[in-house]
Amino acid sequence: RKLSVTRVETWIRDPYALYAREILRLDELEPPDAPLEAMARGTAVHAALEAFSRLHDQGPVEDGAATFERLLNEALEAAGLSEQGRAREAALARNSGPHFADWEPRRRAGATVLVEGYGAHDVRVNGRPFRITAKADRIELRSDGADILDFKTGSTPGKKEVACGLAPQLTLTAAILQAGGFDGVPTGTDPRE
């Protein structure tokens, strides 16, 4: 009676995977040769972006490029990336620092920023309640609507996948936002394209 927007996508693409996880309570085993560092890297990038944004909540950040580089390197270590992996990712941290030092204040201008917001909306299916949930990496509230940002370190869905409903994560998150399902976001706020 409850699914996250990412689980709805699984339901659309691979119903058996959803059945196995949600009904049978089976967890998928990682293949023995799975690159564990890819998941650690994604976790670290999200953590660094969140921490960097929260620092900006307190005011301008001095030497933003170096601060972001430090946050990302710390997050890579905390996520369990090997020493070799951290050495390989050091260039990412160094090169992305100036980008995010410029990006964060520019995106923040004129916006109220909500980071890692949790939202939910109840619908009725066959007369029974069904809850759809979402965790938004970032919502930027502006006078003319809201931007929903989802950071991806892997591949992103194409426009055709989104348009035909195979990748409904942001579409459903926008519907939850518009229905007032996120704290601090008024009902009827229009998601901006």
N, C-alpha and C. Protein backbone atom coordinates (compact mmCIF):
# COMPACT_ATOMS: atom_id res chain seq x y z
N ARG A 1 0.82 -1.21 0.00
CA ARG A 1 0.00 0.00 0.00
C ARG A 1 0.84 1.25 0.00
N LYS A 2 2.18 1.10 -0.22
CA LYS A 2 3.07 2.24 -0.23
C LYS A 2 4.28 1.91 -1.08
N LEU A 3 4.66 2.85 -1.97
CA LEU A 3 5.85 2.68 -2.80
C LEU A 3 6.54 4.03 -2.98
N SER A 4 7.85 3.98 -3.06
CA SER A 4 8.60 5.19 -3.41
C SER A 4 8.55 5.36 -4.92
N VAL A 5 8.86 6.55 -5.39
CA VAL A 5 8.83 6.81 -6.83
C VAL A 5 9.85 5.94 -7.56
N THR A 6 10.97 5.62 -6.92
CA THR A 6 11.95 4.74 -7.57
C THR A 6 11.43 3.31 -7.63
N ARG A 7 10.66 2.89 -6.65
CA ARG A 7 10.06 1.54 -6.69
C ARG A 7 8.94 1.47 -7.74
N VAL A 8 8.24 2.59 -7.96
CA VAL A 8 7.24 2.62 -9.02
C VAL A 8 7.93 2.38 -10.35
N GLU A 9 9.11 2.97 -10.54
CA GLU A 9 9.86 2.74 -11.77
C GLU A 9 10.25 1.26 -11.91
N THR A 10 10.67 0.66 -10.81
CA THR A 10 10.98 -0.78 -10.85
C THR A 10 9.74 -1.57 -11.22
N TRP A 11 8.60 -1.20 -10.65
CA TRP A 11 7.33 -1.88 -10.93
C TRP A 11 7.02 -1.83 -12.43
N ILE A 12 7.24 -0.68 -13.04
CA ILE A 12 6.96 -0.52 -14.47
C ILE A 12 7.92 -1.34 -15.32
N ARG A 13 9.20 -1.29 -14.97
CA ARG A 13 10.23 -1.92 -15.78
C ARG A 13 10.40 -3.41 -15.52
N ASP A 14 10.22 -3.84 -14.26
CA ASP A 14 10.48 -5.23 -13.89
C ASP A 14 9.57 -5.62 -12.72
N PRO A 15 8.30 -5.91 -13.02
CA PRO A 15 7.35 -6.20 -11.94
C PRO A 15 7.79 -7.35 -11.03
N TYR A 16 8.46 -8.34 -11.59
CA TYR A 16 8.88 -9.46 -10.74
C TYR A 16 9.92 -9.00 -9.70
N ALA A 17 10.80 -8.09 -10.08
CA ALA A 17 11.79 -7.58 -9.12
C ALA A 17 11.09 -6.90 -7.94
N LEU A 18 10.03 -6.15 -8.22
CA LEU A 18 9.28 -5.51 -7.15
C LEU A 18 8.57 -6.55 -6.29
N TYR A 19 7.95 -7.54 -6.93
CA TYR A 19 7.28 -8.63 -6.20
C TYR A 19 8.27 -9.36 -5.30
N ALA A 20 9.44 -9.67 -5.83
CA ALA A 20 10.44 -10.41 -5.06
C ALA A 20 10.88 -9.59 -3.84
N ARG A 21 11.06 -8.31 -4.01
CA ARG A 21 11.55 -7.49 -2.90
C ARG A 21 10.46 -7.13 -1.90
N GLU A 22 9.31 -6.66 -2.40
CA GLU A 22 8.28 -6.13 -1.51
C GLU A 22 7.34 -7.19 -0.93
N ILE A 23 7.06 -8.23 -1.69
CA ILE A 23 6.13 -9.26 -1.22
C ILE A 23 6.89 -10.44 -0.63
N LEU A 24 7.85 -10.97 -1.37
CA LEU A 24 8.62 -12.12 -0.89
C LEU A 24 9.74 -11.72 0.06
N ARG A 25 10.04 -10.43 0.12
CA ARG A 25 11.11 -9.89 0.98
C ARG A 25 12.48 -10.49 0.67
N LEU A 26 12.75 -10.66 -0.62
CA LEU A 26 14.04 -11.18 -1.06
C LEU A 26 14.94 -10.00 -1.42
N ASP A 27 16.18 -10.07 -1.00
CA ASP A 27 17.16 -9.04 -1.37
C ASP A 27 18.03 -9.58 -2.48
N GLU A 28 18.26 -8.74 -3.48
CA GLU A 28 19.11 -9.13 -4.58
C GLU A 28 20.56 -9.17 -4.11
N LEU A 29 21.25 -10.25 -4.43
CA LEU A 29 22.66 -10.36 -4.08
C LEU A 29 23.49 -9.63 -5.12
N GLU A 30 24.53 -8.98 -4.65
CA GLU A 30 25.45 -8.33 -5.57
C GLU A 30 26.27 -9.41 -6.27
N PRO A 31 26.48 -9.28 -7.58
CA PRO A 31 27.35 -10.23 -8.26
C PRO A 31 28.76 -10.16 -7.67
N PRO A 32 29.48 -11.28 -7.65
CA PRO A 32 30.80 -11.27 -7.04
C PRO A 32 31.76 -10.25 -7.65
N ASP A 33 31.57 -9.92 -8.91
CA ASP A 33 32.47 -8.98 -9.57
C ASP A 33 31.87 -7.57 -9.68
N ALA A 34 30.83 -7.29 -8.87
CA ALA A 34 30.18 -5.98 -8.94
C ALA A 34 31.13 -4.89 -8.46
N PRO A 35 31.16 -3.77 -9.17
CA PRO A 35 32.02 -2.66 -8.75
C PRO A 35 31.42 -1.93 -7.55
N LEU A 36 31.78 -2.33 -6.35
CA LEU A 36 31.22 -1.73 -5.14
C LEU A 36 31.55 -0.24 -5.05
N GLU A 37 32.64 0.15 -5.69
CA GLU A 37 33.05 1.54 -5.59
C GLU A 37 32.11 2.48 -6.33
N ALA A 38 31.38 1.98 -7.31
CA ALA A 38 30.44 2.84 -8.02
C ALA A 38 29.35 3.32 -7.07
N MET A 39 28.84 2.42 -6.23
CA MET A 39 27.80 2.80 -5.27
C MET A 39 28.39 3.75 -4.22
N ALA A 40 29.59 3.45 -3.75
CA ALA A 40 30.24 4.30 -2.75
C ALA A 40 30.46 5.70 -3.32
N ARG A 41 30.85 5.77 -4.58
CA ARG A 41 31.09 7.06 -5.24
C ARG A 41 29.80 7.86 -5.31
N GLY A 42 28.71 7.23 -5.72
CA GLY A 42 27.43 7.93 -5.79
C GLY A 42 26.98 8.43 -4.43
N THR A 43 27.13 7.60 -3.41
CA THR A 43 26.78 8.00 -2.04
C THR A 43 27.61 9.21 -1.61
N ALA A 44 28.91 9.17 -1.93
CA ALA A 44 29.81 10.26 -1.53
C ALA A 44 29.47 11.56 -2.23
N VAL A 45 29.20 11.51 -3.52
CA VAL A 45 28.87 12.73 -4.26
C VAL A 45 27.60 13.35 -3.71
N HIS A 46 26.58 12.54 -3.44
CA HIS A 46 25.35 13.06 -2.85
C HIS A 46 25.61 13.69 -1.48
N ALA A 47 26.41 13.02 -0.65
CA ALA A 47 26.70 13.54 0.68
C ALA A 47 27.44 14.87 0.61
N ALA A 48 28.40 14.97 -0.32
CA ALA A 48 29.17 16.21 -0.46
C ALA A 48 28.27 17.35 -0.95
N LEU A 49 27.40 17.08 -1.92
CA LEU A 49 26.49 18.10 -2.42
C LEU A 49 25.55 18.58 -1.32
N GLU A 50 25.04 17.63 -0.53
CA GLU A 50 24.14 18.00 0.57
C GLU A 50 24.88 18.87 1.59
N ALA A 51 26.07 18.44 2.00
CA ALA A 51 26.83 19.19 2.99
C ALA A 51 27.18 20.59 2.48
N PHE A 52 27.56 20.68 1.21
CA PHE A 52 27.94 21.96 0.61
C PHE A 52 26.73 22.90 0.58
N SER A 53 25.58 22.38 0.23
CA SER A 53 24.36 23.19 0.20
C SER A 53 24.00 23.66 1.60
N ARG A 54 24.13 22.79 2.57
CA ARG A 54 23.78 23.17 3.95
C ARG A 54 24.74 24.24 4.49
N LEU A 55 25.99 24.21 4.08
CA LEU A 55 26.91 25.28 4.46
C LEU A 55 26.43 26.62 3.91
N HIS A 56 25.91 26.60 2.69
CA HIS A 56 25.41 27.84 2.07
C HIS A 56 24.14 28.34 2.74
N ASP A 57 23.43 27.47 3.46
CA ASP A 57 22.26 27.93 4.22
C ASP A 57 22.67 28.96 5.27
N GLN A 58 23.92 28.87 5.72
CA GLN A 58 24.42 29.76 6.78
C GLN A 58 25.03 31.04 6.23
N GLY A 59 25.16 31.12 4.90
CA GLY A 59 25.74 32.30 4.28
C GLY A 59 26.79 31.91 3.26
N PRO A 60 27.39 32.91 2.59
CA PRO A 60 28.40 32.61 1.57
C PRO A 60 29.56 31.79 2.16
N VAL A 61 30.05 30.88 1.35
CA VAL A 61 31.15 30.01 1.78
C VAL A 61 32.45 30.54 1.19
N GLU A 62 33.40 30.81 2.08
CA GLU A 62 34.70 31.29 1.61
C GLU A 62 35.46 30.13 0.97
N ASP A 63 36.15 30.42 -0.10
CA ASP A 63 36.93 29.44 -0.85
C ASP A 63 36.09 28.18 -1.12
N GLY A 64 34.97 28.41 -1.80
CA GLY A 64 34.02 27.34 -2.07
C GLY A 64 34.61 26.17 -2.81
N ALA A 65 35.53 26.42 -3.74
CA ALA A 65 36.12 25.32 -4.51
C ALA A 65 36.89 24.38 -3.60
N ALA A 66 37.72 24.92 -2.73
CA ALA A 66 38.49 24.08 -1.81
C ALA A 66 37.57 23.40 -0.80
N THR A 67 36.53 24.10 -0.38
CA THR A 67 35.58 23.51 0.57
C THR A 67 34.87 22.32 -0.05
N PHE A 68 34.39 22.48 -1.29
CA PHE A 68 33.73 21.34 -1.93
C PHE A 68 34.70 20.19 -2.14
N GLU A 69 35.91 20.48 -2.57
CA GLU A 69 36.92 19.43 -2.76
C GLU A 69 37.14 18.66 -1.46
N ARG A 70 37.27 19.38 -0.35
CA ARG A 70 37.47 18.73 0.95
C ARG A 70 36.26 17.87 1.32
N LEU A 71 35.05 18.43 1.15
CA LEU A 71 33.84 17.69 1.50
C LEU A 71 33.72 16.41 0.69
N LEU A 72 34.03 16.49 -0.61
CA LEU A 72 33.92 15.30 -1.45
C LEU A 72 34.97 14.27 -1.06
N ASN A 73 36.19 14.70 -0.80
CA ASN A 73 37.22 13.75 -0.38
C ASN A 73 36.86 13.08 0.94
N GLU A 74 36.32 13.85 1.88
CA GLU A 74 35.89 13.27 3.16
C GLU A 74 34.74 12.28 2.96
N ALA A 75 33.81 12.63 2.09
CA ALA A 75 32.66 11.76 1.83
C ALA A 75 33.09 10.47 1.13
N LEU A 76 34.06 10.56 0.23
CA LEU A 76 34.58 9.36 -0.44
C LEU A 76 35.20 8.40 0.58
N GLU A 77 35.92 8.95 1.53
CA GLU A 77 36.52 8.11 2.57
C GLU A 77 35.44 7.52 3.46
N ALA A 78 34.48 8.34 3.87
CA ALA A 78 33.39 7.87 4.74
C ALA A 78 32.54 6.80 4.06
N ALA A 79 32.42 6.87 2.74
CA ALA A 79 31.61 5.90 1.99
C ALA A 79 32.35 4.57 1.81
N GLY A 80 33.62 4.53 2.21
CA GLY A 80 34.35 3.27 2.14
C GLY A 80 35.13 3.04 0.87
N LEU A 81 35.35 4.08 0.09
CA LEU A 81 36.14 3.93 -1.13
C LEU A 81 37.57 3.59 -0.74
N SER A 82 38.16 2.68 -1.46
CA SER A 82 39.53 2.25 -1.15
C SER A 82 40.50 3.41 -1.34
N GLU A 83 41.69 3.24 -0.80
CA GLU A 83 42.71 4.28 -0.94
C GLU A 83 43.02 4.54 -2.42
N GLN A 84 43.09 3.45 -3.20
CA GLN A 84 43.33 3.60 -4.64
C GLN A 84 42.17 4.32 -5.31
N GLY A 85 40.95 3.97 -4.92
CA GLY A 85 39.77 4.62 -5.48
C GLY A 85 39.73 6.10 -5.14
N ARG A 86 40.09 6.43 -3.88
CA ARG A 86 40.10 7.84 -3.47
C ARG A 86 41.16 8.61 -4.25
N ALA A 87 42.31 7.98 -4.51
CA ALA A 87 43.36 8.65 -5.29
C ALA A 87 42.86 8.92 -6.71
N ARG A 88 42.12 7.96 -7.27
CA ARG A 88 41.58 8.13 -8.62
C ARG A 88 40.53 9.23 -8.66
N GLU A 89 39.74 9.34 -7.59
CA GLU A 89 38.64 10.32 -7.54
C GLU A 89 39.11 11.70 -7.10
N ALA A 90 40.36 11.83 -6.66
CA ALA A 90 40.87 13.13 -6.21
C ALA A 90 40.76 14.17 -7.33
N ALA A 91 40.99 13.74 -8.57
CA ALA A 91 40.88 14.67 -9.70
C ALA A 91 39.44 15.15 -9.86
N LEU A 92 38.46 14.25 -9.65
CA LEU A 92 37.05 14.66 -9.71
C LEU A 92 36.78 15.73 -8.67
N ALA A 93 37.25 15.51 -7.46
CA ALA A 93 37.03 16.47 -6.39
C ALA A 93 37.67 17.82 -6.72
N ARG A 94 38.88 17.78 -7.20
CA ARG A 94 39.61 19.02 -7.53
C ARG A 94 38.93 19.76 -8.69
N ASN A 95 38.54 19.01 -9.73
CA ASN A 95 37.94 19.65 -10.92
C ASN A 95 36.51 20.10 -10.70
N SER A 96 35.77 19.42 -9.83
CA SER A 96 34.37 19.80 -9.63
C SER A 96 34.22 20.92 -8.60
N GLY A 97 35.24 21.15 -7.79
CA GLY A 97 35.17 22.21 -6.78
C GLY A 97 34.82 23.57 -7.35
N PRO A 98 35.56 24.05 -8.37
CA PRO A 98 35.23 25.36 -8.93
C PRO A 98 33.83 25.40 -9.55
N HIS A 99 33.42 24.30 -10.16
CA HIS A 99 32.08 24.26 -10.77
C HIS A 99 31.01 24.47 -9.71
N PHE A 100 31.07 23.68 -8.62
CA PHE A 100 30.03 23.79 -7.60
C PHE A 100 30.15 25.06 -6.78
N ALA A 101 31.37 25.61 -6.65
CA ALA A 101 31.54 26.89 -5.96
C ALA A 101 30.81 28.00 -6.71
N ASP A 102 30.74 27.91 -8.03
CA ASP A 102 30.00 28.87 -8.85
C ASP A 102 28.51 28.51 -8.92
N TRP A 103 28.24 27.22 -9.07
CA TRP A 103 26.88 26.73 -9.29
C TRP A 103 25.97 26.99 -8.10
N GLU A 104 26.43 26.67 -6.89
CA GLU A 104 25.56 26.76 -5.71
C GLU A 104 25.01 28.17 -5.48
N PRO A 105 25.85 29.21 -5.41
CA PRO A 105 25.26 30.55 -5.19
C PRO A 105 24.39 31.02 -6.36
N ARG A 106 24.75 30.62 -7.57
CA ARG A 106 23.96 31.02 -8.74
C ARG A 106 22.58 30.38 -8.69
N ARG A 107 22.50 29.08 -8.35
CA ARG A 107 21.20 28.39 -8.27
C ARG A 107 20.39 28.89 -7.08
N ARG A 108 21.06 29.27 -6.03
CA ARG A 108 20.41 29.68 -4.79
C ARG A 108 19.78 31.07 -4.90
N ALA A 109 20.29 31.90 -5.80
CA ALA A 109 19.80 33.28 -5.92
C ALA A 109 18.30 33.30 -6.18
N GLY A 110 17.58 33.98 -5.32
CA GLY A 110 16.13 34.11 -5.48
C GLY A 110 15.33 32.86 -5.16
N ALA A 111 15.95 31.89 -4.51
CA ALA A 111 15.26 30.63 -4.23
C ALA A 111 15.35 30.28 -2.75
N THR A 112 14.36 29.55 -2.30
CA THR A 112 14.43 28.88 -1.02
C THR A 112 14.81 27.44 -1.34
N VAL A 113 15.91 26.97 -0.77
CA VAL A 113 16.44 25.65 -1.12
C VAL A 113 16.09 24.64 -0.03
N LEU A 114 15.48 23.55 -0.45
CA LEU A 114 15.20 22.41 0.44
C LEU A 114 16.07 21.25 -0.02
N VAL A 115 16.87 20.71 0.88
CA VAL A 115 17.80 19.64 0.54
C VAL A 115 17.33 18.34 1.18
N GLU A 116 17.35 17.27 0.39
CA GLU A 116 16.97 15.93 0.86
C GLU A 116 15.59 15.95 1.52
N GLY A 117 14.64 16.56 0.83
CA GLY A 117 13.28 16.64 1.34
C GLY A 117 12.50 15.35 1.10
N TYR A 118 11.68 14.97 2.06
CA TYR A 118 10.83 13.79 1.96
C TYR A 118 9.40 14.24 1.70
N GLY A 119 8.78 13.63 0.70
CA GLY A 119 7.41 13.97 0.38
C GLY A 119 6.56 12.72 0.19
N ALA A 120 5.26 12.89 0.34
CA ALA A 120 4.33 11.78 0.16
C ALA A 120 2.98 12.30 -0.29
N HIS A 121 2.27 11.46 -1.01
CA HIS A 121 0.92 11.80 -1.44
C HIS A 121 0.09 10.52 -1.46
N ASP A 122 -1.11 10.61 -0.93
CA ASP A 122 -2.01 9.46 -0.89
C ASP A 122 -3.00 9.54 -2.03
N VAL A 123 -3.18 8.43 -2.71
CA VAL A 123 -4.19 8.31 -3.75
C VAL A 123 -5.08 7.12 -3.37
N ARG A 124 -6.21 7.00 -4.03
CA ARG A 124 -7.09 5.87 -3.76
C ARG A 124 -7.02 4.93 -4.96
N VAL A 125 -6.79 3.67 -4.66
CA VAL A 125 -6.76 2.63 -5.68
C VAL A 125 -7.76 1.57 -5.27
N ASN A 126 -8.76 1.35 -6.10
CA ASN A 126 -9.85 0.42 -5.77
C ASN A 126 -10.45 0.72 -4.41
N GLY A 127 -10.59 2.02 -4.12
CA GLY A 127 -11.22 2.44 -2.88
C GLY A 127 -10.32 2.37 -1.65
N ARG A 128 -9.10 1.96 -1.82
CA ARG A 128 -8.18 1.85 -0.68
C ARG A 128 -7.04 2.84 -0.84
N PRO A 129 -6.50 3.33 0.29
CA PRO A 129 -5.40 4.30 0.20
C PRO A 129 -4.11 3.65 -0.28
N PHE A 130 -3.37 4.40 -1.08
CA PHE A 130 -2.07 3.97 -1.57
C PHE A 130 -1.15 5.19 -1.50
N ARG A 131 -0.03 5.06 -0.82
CA ARG A 131 0.89 6.19 -0.62
C ARG A 131 2.07 6.09 -1.56
N ILE A 132 2.35 7.21 -2.25
CA ILE A 132 3.55 7.32 -3.09
C ILE A 132 4.49 8.30 -2.39
N THR A 133 5.75 7.88 -2.21
CA THR A 133 6.72 8.69 -1.49
C THR A 133 7.88 9.08 -2.41
N ALA A 134 8.56 10.15 -2.03
CA ALA A 134 9.73 10.60 -2.79
C ALA A 134 10.71 11.27 -1.86
N LYS A 135 11.97 11.10 -2.16
CA LYS A 135 13.03 11.85 -1.48
C LYS A 135 13.72 12.67 -2.56
N ALA A 136 13.55 13.98 -2.49
CA ALA A 136 14.11 14.87 -3.49
C ALA A 136 15.51 15.32 -3.06
N ASP A 137 16.48 15.16 -3.94
CA ASP A 137 17.83 15.61 -3.62
C ASP A 137 17.83 17.10 -3.32
N ARG A 138 17.04 17.84 -4.09
CA ARG A 138 17.02 19.29 -3.91
C ARG A 138 15.76 19.86 -4.55
N ILE A 139 15.11 20.77 -3.84
CA ILE A 139 13.97 21.52 -4.38
C ILE A 139 14.31 23.00 -4.21
N GLU A 140 14.17 23.75 -5.28
CA GLU A 140 14.41 25.19 -5.25
C GLU A 140 13.07 25.88 -5.48
N LEU A 141 12.53 26.49 -4.43
CA LEU A 141 11.27 27.22 -4.53
C LEU A 141 11.54 28.63 -5.00
N ARG A 142 10.83 29.03 -6.06
CA ARG A 142 10.96 30.37 -6.62
C ARG A 142 9.57 30.99 -6.72
N SER A 143 9.52 32.25 -7.00
CA SER A 143 8.22 32.94 -7.07
C SER A 143 7.34 32.38 -8.17
N ASP A 144 7.94 31.81 -9.23
CA ASP A 144 7.15 31.29 -10.35
C ASP A 144 7.07 29.76 -10.37
N GLY A 145 7.40 29.11 -9.27
CA GLY A 145 7.30 27.66 -9.21
C GLY A 145 8.48 27.05 -8.48
N ALA A 146 8.74 25.79 -8.78
CA ALA A 146 9.81 25.07 -8.09
C ALA A 146 10.59 24.23 -9.08
N ASP A 147 11.89 24.14 -8.84
CA ASP A 147 12.75 23.24 -9.60
C ASP A 147 13.06 22.04 -8.72
N ILE A 148 12.94 20.85 -9.28
CA ILE A 148 13.29 19.62 -8.57
C ILE A 148 14.55 19.09 -9.22
N LEU A 149 15.59 18.91 -8.42
CA LEU A 149 16.85 18.41 -8.95
C LEU A 149 17.14 17.03 -8.37
N ASP A 150 17.56 16.13 -9.24
CA ASP A 150 17.96 14.79 -8.83
C ASP A 150 19.36 14.56 -9.39
N PHE A 151 20.32 14.42 -8.51
CA PHE A 151 21.71 14.25 -8.94
C PHE A 151 21.97 12.80 -9.31
N LYS A 152 22.58 12.59 -10.46
CA LYS A 152 22.90 11.25 -10.94
C LYS A 152 24.41 11.15 -11.17
N THR A 153 25.01 10.09 -10.67
CA THR A 153 26.43 9.85 -10.97
C THR A 153 26.56 8.77 -12.03
N GLY A 154 25.47 8.11 -12.34
CA GLY A 154 25.46 7.11 -13.41
C GLY A 154 24.71 7.66 -14.60
N SER A 155 24.10 6.77 -15.35
CA SER A 155 23.37 7.20 -16.54
C SER A 155 22.02 7.82 -16.15
N THR A 156 21.56 8.72 -16.99
CA THR A 156 20.27 9.36 -16.76
C THR A 156 19.28 8.87 -17.81
N PRO A 157 17.99 8.85 -17.46
CA PRO A 157 17.01 8.43 -18.45
C PRO A 157 16.89 9.47 -19.56
N GLY A 158 16.58 8.99 -20.74
CA GLY A 158 16.39 9.88 -21.87
C GLY A 158 15.00 10.50 -21.87
N LYS A 159 14.81 11.52 -22.68
CA LYS A 159 13.51 12.20 -22.76
C LYS A 159 12.40 11.23 -23.18
N LYS A 160 12.72 10.31 -24.10
CA LYS A 160 11.70 9.36 -24.56
C LYS A 160 11.27 8.43 -23.43
N GLU A 161 12.22 8.00 -22.58
CA GLU A 161 11.88 7.14 -21.45
C GLU A 161 10.97 7.86 -20.48
N VAL A 162 11.25 9.13 -20.24
CA VAL A 162 10.41 9.92 -19.35
C VAL A 162 9.03 10.13 -19.97
N ALA A 163 9.01 10.51 -21.25
CA ALA A 163 7.74 10.81 -21.93
C ALA A 163 6.81 9.60 -22.00
N CYS A 164 7.37 8.41 -22.20
CA CYS A 164 6.50 7.22 -22.32
C CYS A 164 6.22 6.56 -20.96
N GLY A 165 6.76 7.14 -19.87
CA GLY A 165 6.43 6.64 -18.54
C GLY A 165 7.36 5.58 -17.98
N LEU A 166 8.43 5.24 -18.68
CA LEU A 166 9.36 4.24 -18.16
C LEU A 166 10.27 4.79 -17.07
N ALA A 167 10.39 6.10 -16.97
CA ALA A 167 11.23 6.74 -15.96
C ALA A 167 10.42 7.82 -15.24
N PRO A 168 9.49 7.40 -14.36
CA PRO A 168 8.55 8.36 -13.77
C PRO A 168 9.03 9.05 -12.49
N GLN A 169 10.29 8.86 -12.10
CA GLN A 169 10.75 9.38 -10.82
C GLN A 169 10.49 10.88 -10.65
N LEU A 170 10.97 11.69 -11.57
CA LEU A 170 10.78 13.14 -11.41
C LEU A 170 9.35 13.57 -11.69
N THR A 171 8.67 12.89 -12.59
CA THR A 171 7.28 13.21 -12.89
C THR A 171 6.41 12.99 -11.65
N LEU A 172 6.60 11.85 -10.98
CA LEU A 172 5.83 11.58 -9.77
C LEU A 172 6.24 12.50 -8.62
N THR A 173 7.53 12.80 -8.52
CA THR A 173 7.99 13.73 -7.49
C THR A 173 7.35 15.10 -7.70
N ALA A 174 7.24 15.52 -8.96
CA ALA A 174 6.58 16.80 -9.27
C ALA A 174 5.10 16.76 -8.88
N ALA A 175 4.44 15.63 -9.11
CA ALA A 175 3.03 15.51 -8.74
C ALA A 175 2.86 15.59 -7.22
N ILE A 176 3.77 14.96 -6.48
CA ILE A 176 3.72 15.02 -5.01
C ILE A 176 3.94 16.46 -4.56
N LEU A 177 4.89 17.14 -5.18
CA LEU A 177 5.17 18.54 -4.85
C LEU A 177 3.93 19.40 -5.10
N GLN A 178 3.33 19.24 -6.27
CA GLN A 178 2.17 20.06 -6.63
C GLN A 178 0.99 19.81 -5.69
N ALA A 179 0.89 18.60 -5.16
CA ALA A 179 -0.20 18.26 -4.24
C ALA A 179 0.10 18.70 -2.81
N GLY A 180 1.24 19.35 -2.60
CA GLY A 180 1.58 19.83 -1.26
C GLY A 180 2.17 18.76 -0.37
N GLY A 181 2.74 17.73 -0.96
CA GLY A 181 3.26 16.61 -0.19
C GLY A 181 4.63 16.79 0.43
N PHE A 182 5.30 17.91 0.15
CA PHE A 182 6.60 18.21 0.76
C PHE A 182 6.42 19.31 1.80
N ASP A 183 6.99 19.13 2.98
CA ASP A 183 6.95 20.18 4.01
C ASP A 183 7.59 21.44 3.47
N GLY A 184 6.94 22.56 3.71
CA GLY A 184 7.49 23.84 3.29
C GLY A 184 7.16 24.23 1.86
N VAL A 185 6.41 23.37 1.15
CA VAL A 185 6.04 23.68 -0.23
C VAL A 185 4.51 23.81 -0.28
N PRO A 186 4.01 24.99 -0.63
CA PRO A 186 2.56 25.17 -0.67
C PRO A 186 1.88 24.29 -1.73
N THR A 187 0.70 23.81 -1.41
CA THR A 187 -0.11 23.07 -2.38
C THR A 187 -0.33 23.93 -3.61
N GLY A 188 -0.22 23.31 -4.78
CA GLY A 188 -0.44 24.03 -6.03
C GLY A 188 0.82 24.66 -6.62
N THR A 189 1.96 24.48 -5.94
CA THR A 189 3.21 24.99 -6.51
C THR A 189 3.48 24.25 -7.79
N ASP A 190 3.76 25.01 -8.84
CA ASP A 190 4.01 24.38 -10.14
C ASP A 190 5.48 24.04 -10.30
N PRO A 191 5.76 22.78 -10.65
CA PRO A 191 7.14 22.43 -11.00
C PRO A 191 7.51 23.11 -12.31
N ARG A 192 8.71 23.67 -12.37
CA ARG A 192 9.16 24.33 -13.59
C ARG A 192 9.91 23.31 -14.44
N GLU A 193 9.79 23.46 -15.75
CA GLU A 193 10.51 22.54 -16.66
C GLU A 193 11.92 23.03 -16.85
